[in-house]
Amino acid sequence: MAWSHAFSLAGSLLILSTALLIVQTFWTGPGVPTLVAEHAVSAAERRIEILLHPQDHVLRPADSLRHVWNITSGRKVPDGVAKDVFLINGQFPGPTIEARSGDVLEVEVWNSLADEEVSIHWHGLLMRGANHMDGATGITQCAIPPGASYTYRFRIEQEGTFWYEYHAHSDVQRSDGLYGGLVVHPPGAIQQDEEILLLAGDWYHRPAGEVLDAFMDAKSDGSEPCPDSLLINGLGHFDCSRALPAFPVDCSPSDMPWIQMDTRKTYRVRVANVGALTGISITIPNAQIQVTHFDGQRITASPPVNSVGVLYPGERVDFILSWNRPEETSQLIIDLDKENFQTPNLALSPTQSFAISDPKGQFSSSNQTEITSFNLQTAQGLLLPHPLPEPKSFVVLYSAIQILVHEHNIPMGFINRTHWKKQPQPLLSLGREDWNSYQLVPWTGPEPAWIDIVINNMDVTGHPFHLHGTTFYVLSSYRGKSGWDYFNPFDTSKPPKGGAYNVINPLEKDTVYVPPLGYVVLRFRADNEGIWMLHCHVLWHQASGMSMAVQVLGDEHAGFRDHRMGEVTREYCSGTYSPSHLREVDKKLAI
């Protein structure tokens, strides 16, 4: 488990119950924030479900949808502990976008923060022909400076459960609340009585920048920072008596959030893990859960269960929810996976229950039923009409958190010994000869081709990797059993310990969990021109450098056939960009 040079391998690594007023910023127009007071919380405001509206989208023709967002910050109390969070039009989480496949989405984003840059990545959307709209700063975009705006405009060709997030890589604003839901409905008939969205994940009471600084410190052993709480749709519950003296917090007792659901109805529940570190599992006693989609893609439906997991950061799951005994109340239980809790947080309650239908949290005694679980890592894709074609080439990667003397003993993320750092000018706007030595960007070739990516994990905890701009098929996934069980397809003397590839019904995903000391083999069709980020979705690993990119099509040195994507990026970075010119460029791109 060692490389040729010595390294140290780290284990991978509002709500007030009183009438206190909080001032927040709300949107009134570009660059014109105004102050309004937030009132005391009612029981209705502890409801956490986001009710979706497929009836407004599935029967209409494709259209153009336009949103104007103003990003500010304000003091919120999501789980009883006050914290400064990011707001979009005064909301945390940000507004939920609903669309239908075929729509053109235009989002004008204004940055009204005092001293922080922002960008928005549309997690899971392919952004076909719109690499310049992907929101990966340093790769496809210069971040939006304070007082400025940027207009994202692209066509949505998919359907499924997605989300948006801050994506500057060197910063960690997602963990301070800069995210929201994005649901794309398919045209056709409505299948369930209701649809709801749950944005669930871990939560830190300290500002994310402080958490990252503690992780990337020479005194750190590389253990990942354990969260303090968990939230669903921006609400949670923290027991103030559990606060640690070493980390005092501004805490007020709060009621447990609850979910309003009619147990006589069938629901499509869409869940996204928006957390920074931790996988989650979901249990609903007195219910039947049938998993139907994983990362927006159909899978072979699971048998009826009442628990599903583990869902890792960046992943999404859809399931159909029905009830065994509609006359009884139930609860939704979230379990935080303890894989990365190398240094436990005694203030954390890793298992929390949210009442369904009854805000007082009174559960029927018969709800204490046997738990039957569906392991998402065993899910299977739909049967393919033909086996997948053989790949044209391979990309073999080795990922690790390392503590190196020449890096001042600071834990850093590496892929193939490369530690990613953002360039001032995005790669999309430059020739490859102008990229610095921190960029690991293999080229797939000038023509569309099938490519295999092998990701080897050298750490003792897993890494959820996300690839922008495409979906991929998971051909093999193997957890190391006897030390580091790596796989290199170029070394024919060492066959893969995970066995033969699944090319018949592999999962199709955009985010994949790479098991500890093991590997995954991914196959994708490289036909979406651009430079697409590939990174660990554990925020602390991503921010510490465990990122790279893949160049699809174009020329390895002369850039892309469609030079207009880079043109928009260069114009924005130089200050000559205008939304009206963007629309002219988009007309040429048929958007």
Foldseek 3Di string as FASTA:
>chain_A
DADPDDFDFFFLAAAFPDFDKWWDWADDDQPDTDIDIDGHDDLVVLAFWAWDDCVVAQADDAEEDEEEWEKEWTWHHFAQFIDIAIEIRRDFQYDEAEYAAFHKYKYKYAYQYDFDFWWKAWFLFQQFLFQLLRGAFLANFPTAGHSGIDMRIGHGHAFFWTKMATHDLLDQNLLRGHIYTYGYHYHDDDDWPTEIEKAKEFHASDPPVVLLCVQQDLPHSNHHDDGQEMGIRRHAHFDQVQDDPVDDTNGHHDAGRAHEDQQVTKYKYKYAHSYQAWWKKKFKFQKWKWWADKQGAGFDIDGTFGMEDRHTHSIMTIIMIHGNDSVFWIKMKMATDCLRPPPPRSRYDRIDIHTYNDSVNDGDPVSPDDGDYDYPVPIWFDFDPDFDDDFPEEAEKEWGFTQDVVVVRTTFIDIPNAFADRDSAHPQQDFPVPDDPNADAAEREADKTKYKYKYFYQHQAKFKKFKHNWKKFWFFADADDDHQQEDDVVPPVRDRPRDGTPRGITDIHGIGIHHGSYIIMIMTTQDRAGKMKMATSNSSRSSRGRIHTYGGHADNGPHHPLSVSSVQNVCVSVVNHDVVVVVVSVVVSVD
